[in-house]
Amino acid sequence: MNTVRMQKTLWFVASLLMLTLTGSSWAADDAQTRVQGNWLTQAKDGIIQVGQAADGTLQGRIVGGNAPGKLDANNPDPAKRNLALRGQVIMSGLKYDGDGKWSGGTVYKPDEGKSYKCKVELQADDTLTVRGFIGFSLFGKSQIWTRYTDTSMDLPESPEQP
């Protein structure tokens, strides 16, 4: 009788463990799915399409903005300065850490022509915190991107900033 009770208890505990492990992988898959899509940059001058790269890491590509024909004029590689920014991958190599966080990647800032280390965090309010930094995350700057759901990839021109 005790053996039957013990077997039922072990079966129950094993079932709970499997449900817990399966549930946490569903949560991970949910964050990795929710991060994908179009995001409006904090300056509201660019639309970045975030998705999975061929190697399984997270990447971001410029798919829209307020200057459709803008060239990558500040690129440190002179051969790339005549390329349009639209279509270029500017965020890459991000690996999923769990809990809606990715790290280990780089982000390219076209206005400066510089690349920085990068980490990304998906927030509950459908925003994305993108942090670029040199060396340590402490020495960096964050932007808050918002989910972009409009169908137009052309944004109105923003006024010149001082």
N, C-alpha and C. Protein backbone atom coordinates (compact mmCIF):
# COMPACT_ATOMS: atom_id res chain seq x y z
N MET A 1 0.82 -1.19 0.00
CA MET A 1 0.00 0.00 0.00
C MET A 1 0.87 1.27 0.00
N ASN A 2 1.92 1.27 0.82
CA ASN A 2 2.81 2.42 0.85
C ASN A 2 3.52 2.61 -0.48
N THR A 3 3.86 1.52 -1.16
CA THR A 3 4.53 1.60 -2.45
C THR A 3 3.63 2.26 -3.49
N VAL A 4 2.36 1.94 -3.50
CA VAL A 4 1.41 2.54 -4.44
C VAL A 4 1.28 4.03 -4.16
N ARG A 5 1.17 4.37 -2.88
CA ARG A 5 1.05 5.79 -2.50
C ARG A 5 2.31 6.55 -2.91
N MET A 6 3.48 5.94 -2.69
CA MET A 6 4.75 6.59 -3.04
C MET A 6 4.85 6.77 -4.56
N GLN A 7 4.43 5.78 -5.33
CA GLN A 7 4.46 5.89 -6.78
C GLN A 7 3.55 7.01 -7.26
N LYS A 8 2.36 7.13 -6.68
CA LYS A 8 1.44 8.21 -7.06
C LYS A 8 2.02 9.57 -6.71
N THR A 9 2.65 9.66 -5.54
CA THR A 9 3.25 10.92 -5.11
C THR A 9 4.39 11.30 -6.06
N LEU A 10 5.24 10.34 -6.39
CA LEU A 10 6.35 10.61 -7.31
C LEU A 10 5.83 11.01 -8.68
N TRP A 11 4.80 10.34 -9.15
CA TRP A 11 4.21 10.67 -10.44
C TRP A 11 3.67 12.09 -10.42
N PHE A 12 2.99 12.46 -9.33
CA PHE A 12 2.43 13.80 -9.19
C PHE A 12 3.54 14.86 -9.19
N VAL A 13 4.59 14.63 -8.42
CA VAL A 13 5.71 15.58 -8.34
C VAL A 13 6.40 15.70 -9.70
N ALA A 14 6.59 14.57 -10.37
CA ALA A 14 7.22 14.60 -11.70
C ALA A 14 6.35 15.37 -12.69
N SER A 15 5.05 15.19 -12.61
CA SER A 15 4.13 15.91 -13.49
C SER A 15 4.20 17.41 -13.24
N LEU A 16 4.22 17.81 -11.97
CA LEU A 16 4.33 19.23 -11.63
C LEU A 16 5.64 19.82 -12.15
N LEU A 17 6.71 19.08 -11.99
CA LEU A 17 8.01 19.54 -12.46
C LEU A 17 8.00 19.73 -13.98
N MET A 18 7.43 18.79 -14.70
CA MET A 18 7.35 18.91 -16.16
C MET A 18 6.52 20.12 -16.57
N LEU A 19 5.39 20.34 -15.88
CA LEU A 19 4.56 21.50 -16.20
C LEU A 19 5.31 22.80 -15.93
N THR A 20 6.06 22.84 -14.84
CA THR A 20 6.83 24.04 -14.50
C THR A 20 7.88 24.30 -15.56
N LEU A 21 8.63 23.27 -15.95
CA LEU A 21 9.67 23.45 -16.97
C LEU A 21 9.08 23.83 -18.31
N THR A 22 7.99 23.23 -18.68
CA THR A 22 7.32 23.54 -19.94
C THR A 22 6.79 24.97 -19.91
N GLY A 23 6.22 25.37 -18.79
CA GLY A 23 5.69 26.73 -18.66
C GLY A 23 6.76 27.78 -18.79
N SER A 24 7.95 27.53 -18.21
CA SER A 24 9.02 28.52 -18.31
C SER A 24 9.55 28.62 -19.73
N SER A 25 9.57 27.50 -20.48
CA SER A 25 10.01 27.59 -21.87
C SER A 25 8.96 28.30 -22.71
N TRP A 26 7.68 28.13 -22.39
CA TRP A 26 6.65 28.89 -23.09
C TRP A 26 6.84 30.38 -22.85
N ALA A 27 7.17 30.76 -21.61
CA ALA A 27 7.38 32.18 -21.30
C ALA A 27 8.56 32.72 -22.10
N ALA A 28 9.64 31.94 -22.20
CA ALA A 28 10.80 32.37 -22.97
C ALA A 28 10.42 32.55 -24.43
N ASP A 29 9.71 31.56 -24.98
CA ASP A 29 9.28 31.65 -26.36
C ASP A 29 8.37 32.85 -26.57
N ASP A 30 7.53 33.16 -25.59
CA ASP A 30 6.63 34.30 -25.69
C ASP A 30 7.42 35.60 -25.81
N ALA A 31 8.41 35.81 -24.96
CA ALA A 31 9.23 37.03 -25.02
C ALA A 31 9.98 37.11 -26.34
N GLN A 32 10.51 35.98 -26.78
CA GLN A 32 11.27 35.97 -28.02
C GLN A 32 10.37 36.22 -29.23
N THR A 33 9.11 35.88 -29.10
CA THR A 33 8.15 36.17 -30.17
C THR A 33 7.67 37.61 -30.08
N ARG A 34 7.38 38.08 -28.86
CA ARG A 34 6.85 39.43 -28.68
C ARG A 34 7.84 40.52 -29.07
N VAL A 35 9.14 40.26 -28.96
CA VAL A 35 10.12 41.29 -29.29
C VAL A 35 10.20 41.52 -30.80
N GLN A 36 9.78 40.54 -31.57
CA GLN A 36 9.86 40.66 -33.02
C GLN A 36 8.80 41.61 -33.55
N GLY A 37 9.19 42.39 -34.55
CA GLY A 37 8.28 43.34 -35.16
C GLY A 37 8.96 44.68 -35.37
N ASN A 38 8.15 45.69 -35.65
CA ASN A 38 8.67 47.02 -35.94
C ASN A 38 8.62 47.90 -34.70
N TRP A 39 9.70 48.66 -34.51
CA TRP A 39 9.85 49.53 -33.34
C TRP A 39 10.22 50.94 -33.80
N LEU A 40 9.59 51.94 -33.21
CA LEU A 40 9.86 53.35 -33.49
C LEU A 40 10.93 53.83 -32.51
N THR A 41 12.01 54.40 -33.04
CA THR A 41 13.09 54.86 -32.18
C THR A 41 12.61 56.00 -31.28
N GLN A 42 13.37 56.24 -30.23
CA GLN A 42 12.99 57.27 -29.25
C GLN A 42 12.88 58.65 -29.92
N ALA A 43 13.75 58.95 -30.86
CA ALA A 43 13.73 60.24 -31.55
C ALA A 43 12.59 60.32 -32.58
N LYS A 44 11.89 59.20 -32.78
CA LYS A 44 10.77 59.10 -33.73
C LYS A 44 11.20 59.42 -35.17
N ASP A 45 12.47 59.04 -35.48
CA ASP A 45 12.97 59.30 -36.83
C ASP A 45 13.34 58.01 -37.57
N GLY A 46 13.14 56.86 -36.92
CA GLY A 46 13.48 55.60 -37.57
C GLY A 46 12.58 54.46 -37.13
N ILE A 47 12.37 53.53 -38.03
CA ILE A 47 11.61 52.32 -37.74
C ILE A 47 12.57 51.16 -37.90
N ILE A 48 12.72 50.39 -36.82
CA ILE A 48 13.65 49.27 -36.80
C ILE A 48 12.85 47.98 -36.72
N GLN A 49 13.10 47.09 -37.66
CA GLN A 49 12.44 45.78 -37.64
C GLN A 49 13.34 44.81 -36.88
N VAL A 50 12.83 44.34 -35.74
CA VAL A 50 13.58 43.43 -34.90
C VAL A 50 13.12 42.00 -35.19
N GLY A 51 14.07 41.12 -35.38
CA GLY A 51 13.75 39.73 -35.68
C GLY A 51 14.93 38.83 -35.42
N GLN A 52 14.75 37.58 -35.74
CA GLN A 52 15.79 36.59 -35.50
C GLN A 52 16.69 36.47 -36.73
N ALA A 53 17.99 36.52 -36.50
CA ALA A 53 18.98 36.34 -37.56
C ALA A 53 19.12 34.85 -37.87
N ALA A 54 19.80 34.53 -38.94
CA ALA A 54 19.98 33.14 -39.34
C ALA A 54 20.69 32.31 -38.26
N ASP A 55 21.54 32.96 -37.46
CA ASP A 55 22.27 32.23 -36.42
C ASP A 55 21.49 32.13 -35.11
N GLY A 56 20.23 32.61 -35.11
CA GLY A 56 19.38 32.51 -33.92
C GLY A 56 19.46 33.70 -32.98
N THR A 57 20.39 34.63 -33.25
CA THR A 57 20.48 35.81 -32.40
C THR A 57 19.46 36.85 -32.84
N LEU A 58 19.28 37.87 -32.01
CA LEU A 58 18.35 38.94 -32.32
C LEU A 58 19.07 40.02 -33.12
N GLN A 59 18.37 40.58 -34.11
CA GLN A 59 18.96 41.66 -34.90
C GLN A 59 17.90 42.71 -35.20
N GLY A 60 18.35 43.89 -35.56
CA GLY A 60 17.45 44.98 -35.94
C GLY A 60 17.91 45.62 -37.24
N ARG A 61 16.95 45.84 -38.15
CA ARG A 61 17.24 46.38 -39.47
C ARG A 61 16.39 47.65 -39.67
N ILE A 62 16.99 48.69 -40.24
CA ILE A 62 16.23 49.91 -40.55
C ILE A 62 15.28 49.61 -41.70
N VAL A 63 13.98 49.78 -41.46
CA VAL A 63 13.00 49.53 -42.51
C VAL A 63 12.19 50.78 -42.86
N GLY A 64 12.38 51.84 -42.10
CA GLY A 64 11.64 53.07 -42.37
C GLY A 64 12.23 54.22 -41.59
N GLY A 65 11.72 55.41 -41.92
CA GLY A 65 12.19 56.59 -41.21
C GLY A 65 11.74 57.86 -41.89
N ASN A 66 12.32 58.96 -41.44
CA ASN A 66 11.91 60.27 -41.97
C ASN A 66 12.82 60.76 -43.09
N ALA A 67 13.81 59.97 -43.47
CA ALA A 67 14.71 60.36 -44.56
C ALA A 67 14.98 59.12 -45.42
N PRO A 68 14.01 58.75 -46.28
CA PRO A 68 14.09 57.49 -47.03
C PRO A 68 15.38 57.28 -47.82
N GLY A 69 15.95 58.30 -48.38
CA GLY A 69 17.14 58.13 -49.21
C GLY A 69 18.44 58.43 -48.49
N LYS A 70 18.39 58.62 -47.18
CA LYS A 70 19.59 59.00 -46.43
C LYS A 70 20.68 57.95 -46.55
N LEU A 71 21.89 58.42 -46.80
CA LEU A 71 23.04 57.53 -46.96
C LEU A 71 23.79 57.38 -45.64
N ASP A 72 24.58 56.35 -45.56
CA ASP A 72 25.39 56.08 -44.37
C ASP A 72 26.68 56.90 -44.44
N ALA A 73 26.53 58.21 -44.52
CA ALA A 73 27.63 59.13 -44.79
C ALA A 73 28.73 59.11 -43.74
N ASN A 74 28.43 58.71 -42.51
CA ASN A 74 29.42 58.73 -41.44
C ASN A 74 30.07 57.37 -41.20
N ASN A 75 29.80 56.41 -42.06
CA ASN A 75 30.36 55.07 -41.87
C ASN A 75 31.88 55.16 -41.90
N PRO A 76 32.55 54.48 -40.96
CA PRO A 76 34.02 54.54 -40.96
C PRO A 76 34.65 53.88 -42.20
N ASP A 77 33.89 53.03 -42.88
CA ASP A 77 34.37 52.38 -44.10
C ASP A 77 33.93 53.24 -45.30
N PRO A 78 34.86 53.94 -45.95
CA PRO A 78 34.49 54.82 -47.06
C PRO A 78 33.69 54.12 -48.16
N ALA A 79 33.89 52.82 -48.35
CA ALA A 79 33.16 52.08 -49.39
C ALA A 79 31.68 51.95 -49.07
N LYS A 80 31.30 52.14 -47.80
CA LYS A 80 29.90 51.98 -47.39
C LYS A 80 29.15 53.31 -47.26
N ARG A 81 29.85 54.42 -47.47
CA ARG A 81 29.22 55.73 -47.26
C ARG A 81 28.17 56.08 -48.30
N ASN A 82 28.16 55.38 -49.42
CA ASN A 82 27.15 55.63 -50.46
C ASN A 82 25.97 54.67 -50.37
N LEU A 83 25.93 53.83 -49.34
CA LEU A 83 24.82 52.90 -49.15
C LEU A 83 23.68 53.58 -48.41
N ALA A 84 22.46 53.28 -48.83
CA ALA A 84 21.28 53.81 -48.12
C ALA A 84 21.20 53.16 -46.75
N LEU A 85 20.79 53.94 -45.75
CA LEU A 85 20.63 53.39 -44.41
C LEU A 85 19.46 52.40 -44.36
N ARG A 86 18.39 52.71 -45.10
CA ARG A 86 17.23 51.83 -45.09
C ARG A 86 17.64 50.47 -45.65
N GLY A 87 17.36 49.44 -44.86
CA GLY A 87 17.71 48.09 -45.24
C GLY A 87 18.94 47.56 -44.51
N GLN A 88 19.69 48.44 -43.86
CA GLN A 88 20.90 48.01 -43.17
C GLN A 88 20.58 47.45 -41.78
N VAL A 89 21.31 46.40 -41.40
CA VAL A 89 21.23 45.85 -40.05
C VAL A 89 22.07 46.75 -39.15
N ILE A 90 21.45 47.29 -38.10
CA ILE A 90 22.18 48.18 -37.19
C ILE A 90 22.32 47.59 -35.79
N MET A 91 21.63 46.50 -35.53
CA MET A 91 21.70 45.86 -34.22
C MET A 91 21.83 44.36 -34.47
N SER A 92 22.83 43.73 -33.86
CA SER A 92 23.04 42.30 -34.17
C SER A 92 23.73 41.58 -33.03
N GLY A 93 23.68 40.24 -33.12
CA GLY A 93 24.42 39.39 -32.20
C GLY A 93 23.87 39.26 -30.80
N LEU A 94 22.63 39.69 -30.58
CA LEU A 94 22.06 39.65 -29.23
C LEU A 94 21.56 38.25 -28.88
N LYS A 95 22.03 37.73 -27.76
CA LYS A 95 21.64 36.40 -27.30
C LYS A 95 20.63 36.52 -26.17
N TYR A 96 19.65 35.63 -26.17
CA TYR A 96 18.59 35.69 -25.17
C TYR A 96 19.11 35.20 -23.82
N ASP A 97 18.91 36.04 -22.77
CA ASP A 97 19.33 35.73 -21.41
C ASP A 97 18.18 35.23 -20.54
N GLY A 98 16.96 35.32 -21.05
CA GLY A 98 15.78 34.99 -20.25
C GLY A 98 15.14 36.25 -19.72
N ASP A 99 13.92 36.13 -19.24
CA ASP A 99 13.17 37.25 -18.66
C ASP A 99 13.07 38.46 -19.57
N GLY A 100 12.98 38.25 -20.87
CA GLY A 100 12.81 39.36 -21.81
C GLY A 100 14.06 40.20 -22.00
N LYS A 101 15.24 39.62 -21.74
CA LYS A 101 16.51 40.36 -21.85
C LYS A 101 17.45 39.68 -22.83
N TRP A 102 18.15 40.49 -23.62
CA TRP A 102 19.15 40.02 -24.57
C TRP A 102 20.43 40.81 -24.33
N SER A 103 21.58 40.18 -24.55
CA SER A 103 22.85 40.88 -24.37
C SER A 103 23.89 40.27 -25.31
N GLY A 104 25.07 40.89 -25.30
CA GLY A 104 26.18 40.35 -26.08
C GLY A 104 26.21 40.80 -27.52
N GLY A 105 25.40 41.77 -27.88
CA GLY A 105 25.36 42.23 -29.25
C GLY A 105 26.00 43.58 -29.45
N THR A 106 25.80 44.13 -30.64
CA THR A 106 26.29 45.46 -30.95
C THR A 106 25.17 46.27 -31.61
N VAL A 107 25.27 47.58 -31.47
CA VAL A 107 24.34 48.49 -32.14
C VAL A 107 25.17 49.55 -32.85
N TYR A 108 24.79 49.85 -34.07
CA TYR A 108 25.48 50.85 -34.89
C TYR A 108 24.66 52.13 -34.85
N LYS A 109 25.33 53.25 -34.55
CA LYS A 109 24.66 54.54 -34.52
C LYS A 109 25.08 55.31 -35.77
N PRO A 110 24.20 55.33 -36.80
CA PRO A 110 24.58 55.93 -38.09
C PRO A 110 24.98 57.40 -38.01
N ASP A 111 24.36 58.17 -37.12
CA ASP A 111 24.69 59.59 -37.04
C ASP A 111 26.14 59.82 -36.62
N GLU A 112 26.69 58.86 -35.88
CA GLU A 112 28.08 58.96 -35.43
C GLU A 112 29.02 58.09 -36.25
N GLY A 113 28.46 57.09 -36.94
CA GLY A 113 29.29 56.14 -37.66
C GLY A 113 30.06 55.23 -36.71
N LYS A 114 29.49 54.99 -35.52
CA LYS A 114 30.17 54.18 -34.51
C LYS A 114 29.28 53.03 -34.07
N SER A 115 29.94 51.93 -33.66
CA SER A 115 29.24 50.77 -33.11
C SER A 115 29.55 50.66 -31.63
N TYR A 116 28.56 50.20 -30.89
CA TYR A 116 28.68 50.05 -29.45
C TYR A 116 28.20 48.67 -29.03
N LYS A 117 28.67 48.21 -27.87
CA LYS A 117 28.09 47.00 -27.30
C LYS A 117 26.63 47.32 -26.99
N CYS A 118 25.81 46.27 -26.92
CA CYS A 118 24.38 46.52 -26.80
C CYS A 118 23.70 45.46 -25.95
N LYS A 119 22.69 45.89 -25.22
CA LYS A 119 21.77 44.97 -24.56
C LYS A 119 20.37 45.53 -24.72
N VAL A 120 19.39 44.64 -24.68
CA VAL A 120 18.01 45.00 -24.97
C VAL A 120 17.11 44.35 -23.92
N GLU A 121 16.07 45.09 -23.51
CA GLU A 121 15.10 44.51 -22.58
C GLU A 121 13.69 44.86 -23.04
N LEU A 122 12.87 43.82 -23.19
CA LEU A 122 11.47 43.98 -23.56
C LEU A 122 10.69 44.30 -22.30
N GLN A 123 9.98 45.43 -22.30
CA GLN A 123 9.20 45.85 -21.14
C GLN A 123 7.75 45.39 -21.27
N ALA A 124 7.07 45.30 -20.15
CA ALA A 124 5.68 44.82 -20.13
C ALA A 124 4.74 45.76 -20.89
N ASP A 125 5.07 47.04 -20.96
CA ASP A 125 4.18 48.02 -21.61
C ASP A 125 4.42 48.12 -23.11
N ASP A 126 5.00 47.08 -23.69
CA ASP A 126 5.26 47.03 -25.13
C ASP A 126 6.23 48.11 -25.59
N THR A 127 7.24 48.33 -24.76
CA THR A 127 8.37 49.17 -25.14
C THR A 127 9.63 48.32 -25.06
N LEU A 128 10.66 48.80 -25.71
CA LEU A 128 11.93 48.10 -25.77
C LEU A 128 13.02 49.06 -25.30
N THR A 129 13.74 48.68 -24.26
CA THR A 129 14.86 49.48 -23.80
C THR A 129 16.11 48.98 -24.50
N VAL A 130 16.75 49.87 -25.25
CA VAL A 130 17.96 49.53 -26.00
C VAL A 130 19.10 50.34 -25.39
N ARG A 131 20.11 49.66 -24.89
CA ARG A 131 21.24 50.34 -24.26
C ARG A 131 22.52 50.06 -25.03
N GLY A 132 23.15 51.14 -25.48
CA GLY A 132 24.45 51.05 -26.14
C GLY A 132 25.51 51.53 -25.17
N PHE A 133 26.67 50.87 -25.18
CA PHE A 133 27.70 51.25 -24.20
C PHE A 133 29.08 50.85 -24.69
N ILE A 134 30.08 51.44 -24.04
CA ILE A 134 31.48 51.11 -24.29
C ILE A 134 31.98 50.40 -23.04
N GLY A 135 32.50 49.23 -23.19
CA GLY A 135 33.04 48.51 -22.04
C GLY A 135 31.97 47.96 -21.14
N PHE A 136 31.57 48.75 -20.15
CA PHE A 136 30.57 48.33 -19.18
C PHE A 136 29.26 49.05 -19.43
N SER A 137 28.16 48.38 -19.13
CA SER A 137 26.84 48.94 -19.35
C SER A 137 26.63 50.25 -18.59
N LEU A 138 27.37 50.40 -17.49
CA LEU A 138 27.28 51.61 -16.68
C LEU A 138 27.65 52.86 -17.50
N PHE A 139 28.57 52.67 -18.46
CA PHE A 139 29.04 53.77 -19.29
C PHE A 139 28.33 53.73 -20.63
N GLY A 140 27.07 54.10 -20.63
CA GLY A 140 26.32 54.04 -21.87
C GLY A 140 25.09 54.91 -21.83
N LYS A 141 24.25 54.69 -22.82
CA LYS A 141 23.03 55.49 -22.97
C LYS A 141 21.91 54.56 -23.43
N SER A 142 20.73 54.79 -22.86
CA SER A 142 19.57 53.98 -23.22
C SER A 142 18.58 54.78 -24.04
N GLN A 143 17.87 54.07 -24.89
CA GLN A 143 16.74 54.64 -25.63
C GLN A 143 15.54 53.74 -25.37
N ILE A 144 14.38 54.34 -25.38
CA ILE A 144 13.14 53.59 -25.25
C ILE A 144 12.46 53.60 -26.62
N TRP A 145 12.33 52.42 -27.21
CA TRP A 145 11.64 52.28 -28.48
C TRP A 145 10.22 51.82 -28.20
N THR A 146 9.29 52.29 -29.01
CA THR A 146 7.88 51.89 -28.86
C THR A 146 7.46 51.05 -30.06
N ARG A 147 6.53 50.16 -29.79
CA ARG A 147 6.02 49.28 -30.86
C ARG A 147 5.43 50.16 -31.96
N TYR A 148 5.76 49.88 -33.21
CA TYR A 148 5.25 50.63 -34.35
C TYR A 148 4.27 49.74 -35.10
N THR A 149 3.02 50.19 -35.17
CA THR A 149 1.98 49.37 -35.78
C THR A 149 1.39 49.98 -37.05
N ASP A 150 1.83 51.19 -37.40
CA ASP A 150 1.32 51.82 -38.62
C ASP A 150 1.85 51.05 -39.84
N THR A 151 1.22 51.25 -40.97
CA THR A 151 1.64 50.54 -42.18
C THR A 151 2.64 51.34 -43.01
N SER A 152 2.69 52.66 -42.84
CA SER A 152 3.63 53.49 -43.60
C SER A 152 5.02 53.39 -43.00
N MET A 153 6.01 53.20 -43.86
CA MET A 153 7.39 53.16 -43.40
C MET A 153 8.07 54.52 -43.54
N ASP A 154 7.33 55.51 -44.06
CA ASP A 154 7.85 56.86 -44.18
C ASP A 154 7.27 57.72 -43.06
N LEU A 155 8.16 58.30 -42.27
CA LEU A 155 7.76 59.15 -41.16
C LEU A 155 7.87 60.61 -41.58
N PRO A 156 7.08 61.50 -40.96
CA PRO A 156 7.25 62.91 -41.27
C PRO A 156 8.63 63.39 -40.83
N GLU A 157 9.15 64.36 -41.58
CA GLU A 157 10.46 64.90 -41.21
C GLU A 157 10.36 65.60 -39.88
N SER A 158 11.37 65.38 -39.05
CA SER A 158 11.39 66.06 -37.76
C SER A 158 12.11 67.38 -37.92
N PRO A 159 11.72 68.39 -37.14
CA PRO A 159 12.39 69.67 -37.24
C PRO A 159 13.85 69.56 -36.84
N GLU A 160 14.67 70.39 -37.42
CA GLU A 160 16.11 70.39 -37.09
C GLU A 160 16.28 70.63 -35.61
N GLN A 161 17.16 69.84 -35.00
CA GLN A 161 17.43 70.02 -33.58
C GLN A 161 18.72 70.81 -33.43
N PRO A 162 18.75 71.69 -32.42
CA PRO A 162 19.94 72.52 -32.25
C PRO A 162 21.16 71.73 -31.90
